[in-house]
Amino acid sequence: MNPILAHLGFRPEERVIIIHADDLSMCQATILPSQNFSCWFRQRQR
């Protein structure tokens, strides 16, 4: 397991996605996936 992810509190069985913020909304191909991820992430926080 990546030691930085462990330091941030993630467990080995968890999946982590790292998004390069500069890529979001840069082109049409990234807009819908970033919106879908954003909605999914908000639902998981509840």
C-alpha atoms as a PDB file:
ATOM      1  CA  MET A   1       0.000   0.000   0.000  1.00  0.00           C
ATOM      2  CA  ASN A   2       1.116   3.526  -0.740  1.00  0.00           C
ATOM      3  CA  PRO A   3       2.393   5.027   2.547  1.00  0.00           C
ATOM      4  CA  ILE A   4       0.907   8.434   1.757  1.00  0.00           C
ATOM      5  CA  LEU A   5      -2.572   6.942   1.363  1.00  0.00           C
ATOM      6  CA  ALA A   6      -2.099   5.036   4.616  1.00  0.00           C
ATOM      7  CA  HIS A   7      -1.063   8.277   6.321  1.00  0.00           C
ATOM      8  CA  LEU A   8      -4.254   9.920   5.025  1.00  0.00           C
ATOM      9  CA  GLY A   9      -6.282   7.165   6.693  1.00  0.00           C
ATOM     10  CA  PHE A  10      -7.173   4.952   3.748  1.00  0.00           C
ATOM     11  CA  ARG A  11      -7.269   1.201   4.297  1.00  0.00           C
ATOM     12  CA  PRO A  12      -5.624  -1.245   1.847  1.00  0.00           C
ATOM     13  CA  GLU A  13      -9.000  -2.570   0.630  1.00  0.00           C
ATOM     14  CA  GLU A  14     -10.318   0.908  -0.248  1.00  0.00           C
ATOM     15  CA  ARG A  15     -10.148   2.350  -3.734  1.00  0.00           C
ATOM     16  CA  VAL A  16      -8.807   5.862  -4.148  1.00  0.00           C
ATOM     17  CA  ILE A  17      -9.117   8.103  -7.165  1.00  0.00           C
ATOM     18  CA  ILE A  18      -6.720  10.980  -7.624  1.00  0.00           C
ATOM     19  CA  ILE A  19      -7.885  13.653 -10.033  1.00  0.00           C
ATOM     20  CA  HIS A  20      -5.546  16.149 -11.551  1.00  0.00           C
ATOM     21  CA  ALA A  21      -7.655  19.281 -11.043  1.00  0.00           C
ATOM     22  CA  ASP A  22      -6.316  20.930 -14.167  1.00  0.00           C
ATOM     23  CA  ASP A  23      -7.991  18.217 -16.266  1.00  0.00           C
ATOM     24  CA  LEU A  24     -11.525  18.822 -14.954  1.00  0.00           C
ATOM     25  CA  SER A  25     -13.711  20.754 -17.370  1.00  0.00           C
ATOM     26  CA  MET A  26     -10.780  21.258 -19.699  1.00  0.00           C
ATOM     27  CA  CYS A  27     -12.681  19.700 -22.565  1.00  0.00           C
ATOM     28  CA  GLN A  28     -16.145  18.276 -23.227  1.00  0.00           C
ATOM     29  CA  ALA A  29     -14.947  14.724 -22.546  1.00  0.00           C
ATOM     30  CA  THR A  30     -14.200  15.508 -18.876  1.00  0.00           C
ATOM     31  CA  ILE A  31     -17.332  17.467 -17.935  1.00  0.00           C
ATOM     32  CA  LEU A  32     -19.882  14.653 -17.599  1.00  0.00           C
ATOM     33  CA  PRO A  33     -17.533  12.179 -15.851  1.00  0.00           C
ATOM     34  CA  SER A  34     -16.457  14.853 -13.346  1.00  0.00           C
ATOM     35  CA  GLN A  35     -20.106  15.739 -12.628  1.00  0.00           C
ATOM     36  CA  ASN A  36     -20.980  12.046 -12.187  1.00  0.00           C
ATOM     37  CA  PHE A  37     -18.064  11.553  -9.793  1.00  0.00           C
ATOM     38  CA  SER A  38     -19.014  14.664  -7.858  1.00  0.00           C
ATOM     39  CA  CYS A  39     -22.595  13.387  -7.364  1.00  0.00           C
ATOM     40  CA  TRP A  40     -21.350   9.924  -6.371  1.00  0.00           C
ATOM     41  CA  PHE A  41     -18.883  11.419  -3.895  1.00  0.00           C
ATOM     42  CA  ARG A  42     -21.529  13.611  -2.236  1.00  0.00           C
ATOM     43  CA  GLN A  43     -23.845  10.608  -1.816  1.00  0.00           C
ATOM     44  CA  ARG A  44     -21.066   8.616  -0.137  1.00  0.00           C
ATOM     45  CA  GLN A  45     -20.471  11.426   2.371  1.00  0.00           C
ATOM     46  CA  ARG A  46     -24.018  11.186   3.772  1.00  0.00           C
END
